[in-house]
Amino acid sequence: MKKLQILGTGCAKCAKLTQNTEQAAKNLGIAYEIEKVTDMKEIMKYGVMMTPALVVDGKVRSVGKVLTPAEIEAMMKE
């Protein structure tokens, strides 16, 4: 099961990244868990200074931009 985390304060970009991440996981047909991390102290523990950010299985994969479902799918396949 993939653990997917969206780091952000809940802005529109964060919501869109969450939606795109869920779509990518569904497209790949993988088991996943999505967690939204909104606490700035927790976000900073990842070394992230810009949101939204995407963390896949504990590894920061994207910072400061909204990825498309296709871009996220490519990351999850690596």
PDB file of N, CA and C in Angstrom:
ATOM      1  N   MET A   1       0.845  -1.183   0.000  1.00  0.00           N
ATOM      2  CA  MET A   1       0.000   0.000   0.000  1.00  0.00           C
ATOM      3  C   MET A   1       0.887   1.242   0.000  1.00  0.00           C
ATOM      4  N   LYS A   2       0.568   2.160  -0.889  1.00  0.00           N
ATOM      5  CA  LYS A   2       1.304   3.422  -0.963  1.00  0.00           C
ATOM      6  C   LYS A   2       0.747   4.388   0.066  1.00  0.00           C
ATOM      7  N   LYS A   3       1.656   5.065   0.756  1.00  0.00           N
ATOM      8  CA  LYS A   3       1.242   6.127   1.665  1.00  0.00           C
ATOM      9  C   LYS A   3       1.511   7.446   0.952  1.00  0.00           C
ATOM     10  N   LEU A   4       0.434   8.173   0.686  1.00  0.00           N
ATOM     11  CA  LEU A   4       0.518   9.435  -0.030  1.00  0.00           C
ATOM     12  C   LEU A   4       0.140  10.557   0.921  1.00  0.00           C
ATOM     13  N   GLN A   5       1.003  11.565   0.996  1.00  0.00           N
ATOM     14  CA  GLN A   5       0.729  12.686   1.890  1.00  0.00           C
ATOM     15  C   GLN A   5       0.739  13.981   1.085  1.00  0.00           C
ATOM     16  N   ILE A   6      -0.242  14.808   1.346  1.00  0.00           N
ATOM     17  CA  ILE A   6      -0.320  16.131   0.750  1.00  0.00           C
ATOM     18  C   ILE A   6       0.020  17.120   1.850  1.00  0.00           C
ATOM     19  N   LEU A   7       1.096  17.864   1.655  1.00  0.00           N
ATOM     20  CA  LEU A   7       1.510  18.851   2.647  1.00  0.00           C
ATOM     21  C   LEU A   7       1.013  20.216   2.193  1.00  0.00           C
ATOM     22  N   GLY A   8       0.222  20.864   3.029  1.00  0.00           N
ATOM     23  CA  GLY A   8      -0.285  22.183   2.683  1.00  0.00           C
ATOM     24  C   GLY A   8      -1.329  22.644   3.666  1.00  0.00           C
ATOM     25  N   THR A   9      -1.659  23.911   3.562  1.00  0.00           N
ATOM     26  CA  THR A   9      -2.557  24.531   4.536  1.00  0.00           C
ATOM     27  C   THR A   9      -4.028  24.369   4.202  1.00  0.00           C
ATOM     28  N   GLY A  10      -4.330  23.733   3.094  1.00  0.00           N
ATOM     29  CA  GLY A  10      -5.720  23.536   2.721  1.00  0.00           C
ATOM     30  C   GLY A  10      -6.195  24.492   1.641  1.00  0.00           C
ATOM     31  N   CYS A  11      -5.270  25.123   0.945  1.00  0.00           N
ATOM     32  CA  CYS A  11      -5.614  26.070  -0.114  1.00  0.00           C
ATOM     33  C   CYS A  11      -6.173  25.333  -1.342  1.00  0.00           C
ATOM     34  N   ALA A  12      -6.605  26.086  -2.321  1.00  0.00           N
ATOM     35  CA  ALA A  12      -7.180  25.499  -3.536  1.00  0.00           C
ATOM     36  C   ALA A  12      -6.157  24.612  -4.259  1.00  0.00           C
ATOM     37  N   LYS A  13      -4.899  25.033  -4.283  1.00  0.00           N
ATOM     38  CA  LYS A  13      -3.864  24.227  -4.946  1.00  0.00           C
ATOM     39  C   LYS A  13      -3.659  22.906  -4.210  1.00  0.00           C
ATOM     40  N   CYS A  14      -3.732  22.946  -2.888  1.00  0.00           N
ATOM     41  CA  CYS A  14      -3.585  21.721  -2.089  1.00  0.00           C
ATOM     42  C   CYS A  14      -4.739  20.760  -2.392  1.00  0.00           C
ATOM     43  N   ALA A  15      -5.934  21.304  -2.486  1.00  0.00           N
ATOM     44  CA  ALA A  15      -7.106  20.480  -2.776  1.00  0.00           C
ATOM     45  C   ALA A  15      -6.992  19.852  -4.163  1.00  0.00           C
ATOM     46  N   LYS A  16      -6.499  20.619  -5.135  1.00  0.00           N
ATOM     47  CA  LYS A  16      -6.354  20.106  -6.501  1.00  0.00           C
ATOM     48  C   LYS A  16      -5.285  19.011  -6.547  1.00  0.00           C
ATOM     49  N   LEU A  17      -4.183  19.202  -5.816  1.00  0.00           N
ATOM     50  CA  LEU A  17      -3.137  18.183  -5.772  1.00  0.00           C
ATOM     51  C   LEU A  17      -3.678  16.907  -5.131  1.00  0.00           C
ATOM     52  N   THR A  18      -4.497  17.046  -4.098  1.00  0.00           N
ATOM     53  CA  THR A  18      -5.109  15.881  -3.458  1.00  0.00           C
ATOM     54  C   THR A  18      -5.988  15.137  -4.460  1.00  0.00           C
ATOM     55  N   GLN A  19      -6.810  15.880  -5.171  1.00  0.00           N
ATOM     56  CA  GLN A  19      -7.701  15.291  -6.170  1.00  0.00           C
ATOM     57  C   GLN A  19      -6.900  14.574  -7.268  1.00  0.00           C
ATOM     58  N   ASN A  20      -5.852  15.217  -7.763  1.00  0.00           N
ATOM     59  CA  ASN A  20      -5.026  14.616  -8.816  1.00  0.00           C
ATOM     60  C   ASN A  20      -4.286  13.379  -8.314  1.00  0.00           C
ATOM     61  N   THR A  21      -3.855  13.403  -7.064  1.00  0.00           N
ATOM     62  CA  THR A  21      -3.153  12.258  -6.474  1.00  0.00           C
ATOM     63  C   THR A  21      -4.092  11.066  -6.346  1.00  0.00           C
ATOM     64  N   GLU A  22      -5.310  11.310  -5.875  1.00  0.00           N
ATOM     65  CA  GLU A  22      -6.302  10.236  -5.768  1.00  0.00           C
ATOM     66  C   GLU A  22      -6.616   9.655  -7.147  1.00  0.00           C
ATOM     67  N   GLN A  23      -6.743  10.511  -8.141  1.00  0.00           N
ATOM     68  CA  GLN A  23      -7.042  10.051  -9.501  1.00  0.00           C
ATOM     69  C   GLN A  23      -5.902   9.195 -10.039  1.00  0.00           C
ATOM     70  N   ALA A  24      -4.671   9.617  -9.795  1.00  0.00           N
ATOM     71  CA  ALA A  24      -3.507   8.858 -10.267  1.00  0.00           C
ATOM     72  C   ALA A  24      -3.464   7.469  -9.635  1.00  0.00           C
ATOM     73  N   ALA A  25      -3.714   7.395  -8.332  1.00  0.00           N
ATOM     74  CA  ALA A  25      -3.692   6.104  -7.641  1.00  0.00           C
ATOM     75  C   ALA A  25      -4.794   5.195  -8.172  1.00  0.00           C
ATOM     76  N   LYS A  26      -5.974   5.774  -8.405  1.00  0.00           N
ATOM     77  CA  LYS A  26      -7.082   4.982  -8.950  1.00  0.00           C
ATOM     78  C   LYS A  26      -6.768   4.508 -10.371  1.00  0.00           C
ATOM     79  N   ASN A  27      -6.156   5.387 -11.183  1.00  0.00           N
ATOM     80  CA  ASN A  27      -5.790   5.007 -12.553  1.00  0.00           C
ATOM     81  C   ASN A  27      -4.831   3.824 -12.571  1.00  0.00           C
ATOM     82  N   LEU A  28      -3.923   3.796 -11.582  1.00  0.00           N
ATOM     83  CA  LEU A  28      -2.935   2.714 -11.507  1.00  0.00           C
ATOM     84  C   LEU A  28      -3.519   1.462 -10.850  1.00  0.00           C
ATOM     85  N   GLY A  29      -4.666   1.610 -10.185  1.00  0.00           N
ATOM     86  CA  GLY A  29      -5.290   0.478  -9.524  1.00  0.00           C
ATOM     87  C   GLY A  29      -4.516  -0.029  -8.324  1.00  0.00           C
ATOM     88  N   ILE A  30      -3.836   0.896  -7.629  1.00  0.00           N
ATOM     89  CA  ILE A  30      -3.034   0.487  -6.470  1.00  0.00           C
ATOM     90  C   ILE A  30      -3.775   0.801  -5.174  1.00  0.00           C
ATOM     91  N   ALA A  31      -3.404   0.064  -4.140  1.00  0.00           N
ATOM     92  CA  ALA A  31      -3.943   0.341  -2.806  1.00  0.00           C
ATOM     93  C   ALA A  31      -3.179   1.545  -2.263  1.00  0.00           C
ATOM     94  N   TYR A  32      -3.906   2.488  -1.690  1.00  0.00           N
ATOM     95  CA  TYR A  32      -3.256   3.692  -1.204  1.00  0.00           C
ATOM     96  C   TYR A  32      -3.994   4.261   0.000  1.00  0.00           C
ATOM     97  N   GLU A  33      -3.261   5.100   0.712  1.00  0.00           N
ATOM     98  CA  GLU A  33      -3.814   5.841   1.841  1.00  0.00           C
ATOM     99  C   GLU A  33      -3.375   7.283   1.654  1.00  0.00           C
ATOM    100  N   ILE A  34      -4.316   8.211   1.705  1.00  0.00           N
ATOM    101  CA  ILE A  34      -3.971   9.632   1.564  1.00  0.00           C
ATOM    102  C   ILE A  34      -4.121  10.308   2.917  1.00  0.00           C
ATOM    103  N   GLU A  35      -3.103  11.090   3.248  1.00  0.00           N
ATOM    104  CA  GLU A  35      -3.127  11.868   4.485  1.00  0.00           C
ATOM    105  C   GLU A  35      -2.854  13.317   4.129  1.00  0.00           C
ATOM    106  N   LYS A  36      -3.658  14.213   4.669  1.00  0.00           N
ATOM    107  CA  LYS A  36      -3.433  15.641   4.480  1.00  0.00           C
ATOM    108  C   LYS A  36      -2.713  16.163   5.709  1.00  0.00           C
ATOM    109  N   VAL A  37      -1.561  16.759   5.495  1.00  0.00           N
ATOM    110  CA  VAL A  37      -0.768  17.310   6.593  1.00  0.00           C
ATOM    111  C   VAL A  37      -0.878  18.835   6.503  1.00  0.00           C
ATOM    112  N   THR A  38      -1.542  19.436   7.479  1.00  0.00           N
ATOM    113  CA  THR A  38      -1.783  20.879   7.436  1.00  0.00           C
ATOM    114  C   THR A  38      -0.998  21.654   8.494  1.00  0.00           C
ATOM    115  N   ASP A  39      -0.425  20.953   9.467  1.00  0.00           N
ATOM    116  CA  ASP A  39       0.322  21.612  10.535  1.00  0.00           C
ATOM    117  C   ASP A  39       1.689  22.052  10.012  1.00  0.00           C
ATOM    118  N   MET A  40       1.965  23.347  10.090  1.00  0.00           N
ATOM    119  CA  MET A  40       3.222  23.878   9.543  1.00  0.00           C
ATOM    120  C   MET A  40       4.459  23.254  10.191  1.00  0.00           C
ATOM    121  N   LYS A  41       4.401  22.933  11.460  1.00  0.00           N
ATOM    122  CA  LYS A  41       5.555  22.308  12.112  1.00  0.00           C
ATOM    123  C   LYS A  41       5.829  20.935  11.503  1.00  0.00           C
ATOM    124  N   GLU A  42       4.765  20.178  11.219  1.00  0.00           N
ATOM    125  CA  GLU A  42       4.928  18.863  10.591  1.00  0.00           C
ATOM    126  C   GLU A  42       5.454  19.017   9.162  1.00  0.00           C
ATOM    127  N   ILE A  43       4.918  19.990   8.441  1.00  0.00           N
ATOM    128  CA  ILE A  43       5.360  20.227   7.060  1.00  0.00           C
ATOM    129  C   ILE A  43       6.842  20.574   7.038  1.00  0.00           C
ATOM    130  N   MET A  44       7.277  21.400   7.964  1.00  0.00           N
ATOM    131  CA  MET A  44       8.683  21.818   8.000  1.00  0.00           C
ATOM    132  C   MET A  44       9.618  20.668   8.357  1.00  0.00           C
ATOM    133  N   LYS A  45       9.115  19.654   9.047  1.00  0.00           N
ATOM    134  CA  LYS A  45       9.939  18.476   9.352  1.00  0.00           C
ATOM    135  C   LYS A  45      10.401  17.777   8.077  1.00  0.00           C
ATOM    136  N   TYR A  46       9.634  17.952   6.998  1.00  0.00           N
ATOM    137  CA  TYR A  46      10.008  17.367   5.708  1.00  0.00           C
ATOM    138  C   TYR A  46      10.970  18.270   4.937  1.00  0.00           C
ATOM    139  N   GLY A  47      11.287  19.437   5.486  1.00  0.00           N
ATOM    140  CA  GLY A  47      12.164  20.373   4.805  1.00  0.00           C
ATOM    141  C   GLY A  47      11.450  21.139   3.703  1.00  0.00           C
ATOM    142  N   VAL A  48      10.131  21.144   3.744  1.00  0.00           N
ATOM    143  CA  VAL A  48       9.337  21.799   2.715  1.00  0.00           C
ATOM    144  C   VAL A  48       9.067  23.239   3.128  1.00  0.00           C
ATOM    145  N   MET A  49       9.388  24.172   2.216  1.00  0.00           N
ATOM    146  CA  MET A  49       9.176  25.582   2.489  1.00  0.00           C
ATOM    147  C   MET A  49       8.067  26.178   1.624  1.00  0.00           C
ATOM    148  N   MET A  50       7.649  25.443   0.587  1.00  0.00           N
ATOM    149  CA  MET A  50       6.552  25.893  -0.277  1.00  0.00           C
ATOM    150  C   MET A  50       5.537  24.774  -0.387  1.00  0.00           C
ATOM    151  N   THR A  51       4.272  25.164  -0.406  1.00  0.00           N
ATOM    152  CA  THR A  51       3.217  24.165  -0.563  1.00  0.00           C
ATOM    153  C   THR A  51       2.460  24.469  -1.848  1.00  0.00           C
ATOM    154  N   PRO A  52       1.743  23.518  -2.385  1.00  0.00           N
ATOM    155  CA  PRO A  52       1.571  22.170  -1.853  1.00  0.00           C
ATOM    156  C   PRO A  52       2.782  21.296  -2.149  1.00  0.00           C
ATOM    157  N   ALA A  53       2.901  20.236  -1.382  1.00  0.00           N
ATOM    158  CA  ALA A  53       3.973  19.270  -1.605  1.00  0.00           C
ATOM    159  C   ALA A  53       3.369  17.867  -1.573  1.00  0.00           C
ATOM    160  N   LEU A  54       3.995  16.974  -2.305  1.00  0.00           N
ATOM    161  CA  LEU A  54       3.552  15.583  -2.358  1.00  0.00           C
ATOM    162  C   LEU A  54       4.641  14.689  -1.800  1.00  0.00           C
ATOM    163  N   VAL A  55       4.256  13.836  -0.861  1.00  0.00           N
ATOM    164  CA  VAL A  55       5.178  12.868  -0.258  1.00  0.00           C
ATOM    165  C   VAL A  55       4.643  11.476  -0.586  1.00  0.00           C
ATOM    166  N   VAL A  56       5.502  10.653  -1.181  1.00  0.00           N
ATOM    167  CA  VAL A  56       5.129   9.282  -1.532  1.00  0.00           C
ATOM    168  C   VAL A  56       6.002   8.335  -0.720  1.00  0.00           C
ATOM    169  N   ASP A  57       5.374   7.530   0.113  1.00  0.00           N
ATOM    170  CA  ASP A  57       6.084   6.578   0.975  1.00  0.00           C
ATOM    171  C   ASP A  57       7.227   7.234   1.749  1.00  0.00           C
ATOM    172  N   GLY A  58       6.953   8.413   2.314  1.00  0.00           N
ATOM    173  CA  GLY A  58       7.919   9.098   3.164  1.00  0.00           C
ATOM    174  C   GLY A  58       8.945   9.937   2.447  1.00  0.00           C
ATOM    175  N   LYS A  59       8.923   9.966   1.110  1.00  0.00           N
ATOM    176  CA  LYS A  59       9.901  10.718   0.336  1.00  0.00           C
ATOM    177  C   LYS A  59       9.217  11.893  -0.360  1.00  0.00           C
ATOM    178  N   VAL A  60       9.742  13.094  -0.155  1.00  0.00           N
ATOM    179  CA  VAL A  60       9.193  14.282  -0.806  1.00  0.00           C
ATOM    180  C   VAL A  60       9.466  14.181  -2.300  1.00  0.00           C
ATOM    181  N   ARG A  61       8.400  14.232  -3.091  1.00  0.00           N
ATOM    182  CA  ARG A  61       8.533  14.070  -4.547  1.00  0.00           C
ATOM    183  C   ARG A  61       8.254  15.348  -5.317  1.00  0.00           C
ATOM    184  N   SER A  62       7.523  16.286  -4.727  1.00  0.00           N
ATOM    185  CA  SER A  62       7.176  17.527  -5.423  1.00  0.00           C
ATOM    186  C   SER A  62       6.927  18.618  -4.398  1.00  0.00           C
ATOM    187  N   VAL A  63       7.388  19.823  -4.735  1.00  0.00           N
ATOM    188  CA  VAL A  63       7.204  20.962  -3.832  1.00  0.00           C
ATOM    189  C   VAL A  63       6.780  22.187  -4.644  1.00  0.00           C
ATOM    190  N   GLY A  64       5.729  22.841  -4.184  1.00  0.00           N
ATOM    191  CA  GLY A  64       5.348  24.123  -4.743  1.00  0.00           C
ATOM    192  C   GLY A  64       4.598  24.105  -6.062  1.00  0.00           C
ATOM    193  N   LYS A  65       4.114  22.938  -6.483  1.00  0.00           N
ATOM    194  CA  LYS A  65       3.347  22.924  -7.727  1.00  0.00           C
ATOM    195  C   LYS A  65       2.280  21.841  -7.693  1.00  0.00           C
ATOM    196  N   VAL A  66       1.287  22.027  -8.545  1.00  0.00           N
ATOM    197  CA  VAL A  66       0.195  21.067  -8.667  1.00  0.00           C
ATOM    198  C   VAL A  66       0.509  20.160  -9.849  1.00  0.00           C
ATOM    199  N   LEU A  67       0.829  18.916  -9.547  1.00  0.00           N
ATOM    200  CA  LEU A  67       1.140  17.942 -10.601  1.00  0.00           C
ATOM    201  C   LEU A  67      -0.140  17.412 -11.233  1.00  0.00           C
ATOM    202  N   THR A  68      -0.029  17.006 -12.483  1.00  0.00           N
ATOM    203  CA  THR A  68      -1.162  16.368 -13.153  1.00  0.00           C
ATOM    204  C   THR A  68      -1.232  14.915 -12.699  1.00  0.00           C
ATOM    205  N   PRO A  69      -2.384  14.274 -12.880  1.00  0.00           N
ATOM    206  CA  PRO A  69      -2.460  12.851 -12.543  1.00  0.00           C
ATOM    207  C   PRO A  69      -1.398  12.036 -13.279  1.00  0.00           C
ATOM    208  N   ALA A  70      -1.124  12.346 -14.537  1.00  0.00           N
ATOM    209  CA  ALA A  70      -0.109  11.605 -15.309  1.00  0.00           C
ATOM    210  C   ALA A  70       1.279  11.745 -14.703  1.00  0.00           C
ATOM    211  N   GLU A  71       1.628  12.952 -14.247  1.00  0.00           N
ATOM    212  CA  GLU A  71       2.935  13.169 -13.616  1.00  0.00           C
ATOM    213  C   GLU A  71       3.045  12.372 -12.317  1.00  0.00           C
ATOM    214  N   ILE A  72       1.963  12.346 -11.564  1.00  0.00           N
ATOM    215  CA  ILE A  72       1.961  11.610 -10.296  1.00  0.00           C
ATOM    216  C   ILE A  72       2.048  10.104 -10.552  1.00  0.00           C
ATOM    217  N   GLU A  73       1.339   9.617 -11.557  1.00  0.00           N
ATOM    218  CA  GLU A  73       1.400   8.203 -11.913  1.00  0.00           C
ATOM    219  C   GLU A  73       2.839   7.807 -12.232  1.00  0.00           C
ATOM    220  N   ALA A  74       3.544   8.626 -12.995  1.00  0.00           N
ATOM    221  CA  ALA A  74       4.936   8.324 -13.347  1.00  0.00           C
ATOM    222  C   ALA A  74       5.799   8.222 -12.094  1.00  0.00           C
ATOM    223  N   MET A  75       5.585   9.099 -11.119  1.00  0.00           N
ATOM    224  CA  MET A  75       6.343   9.047  -9.868  1.00  0.00           C
ATOM    225  C   MET A  75       6.064   7.776  -9.081  1.00  0.00           C
ATOM    226  N   MET A  76       4.801   7.376  -9.067  1.00  0.00           N
ATOM    227  CA  MET A  76       4.427   6.201  -8.287  1.00  0.00           C
ATOM    228  C   MET A  76       4.963   4.914  -8.912  1.00  0.00           C
ATOM    229  N   LYS A  77       5.216   4.932 -10.202  1.00  0.00           N
ATOM    230  CA  LYS A  77       5.731   3.742 -10.884  1.00  0.00           C
ATOM    231  C   LYS A  77       7.216   3.541 -10.636  1.00  0.00           C
ATOM    232  N   GLU A  78       7.926   4.611 -10.252  1.00  0.00           N
ATOM    233  CA  GLU A  78       9.380   4.528 -10.052  1.00  0.00           C
ATOM    234  C   GLU A  78       9.728   3.634  -8.872  1.00  0.00           C
TER     235      GLU A  78
END
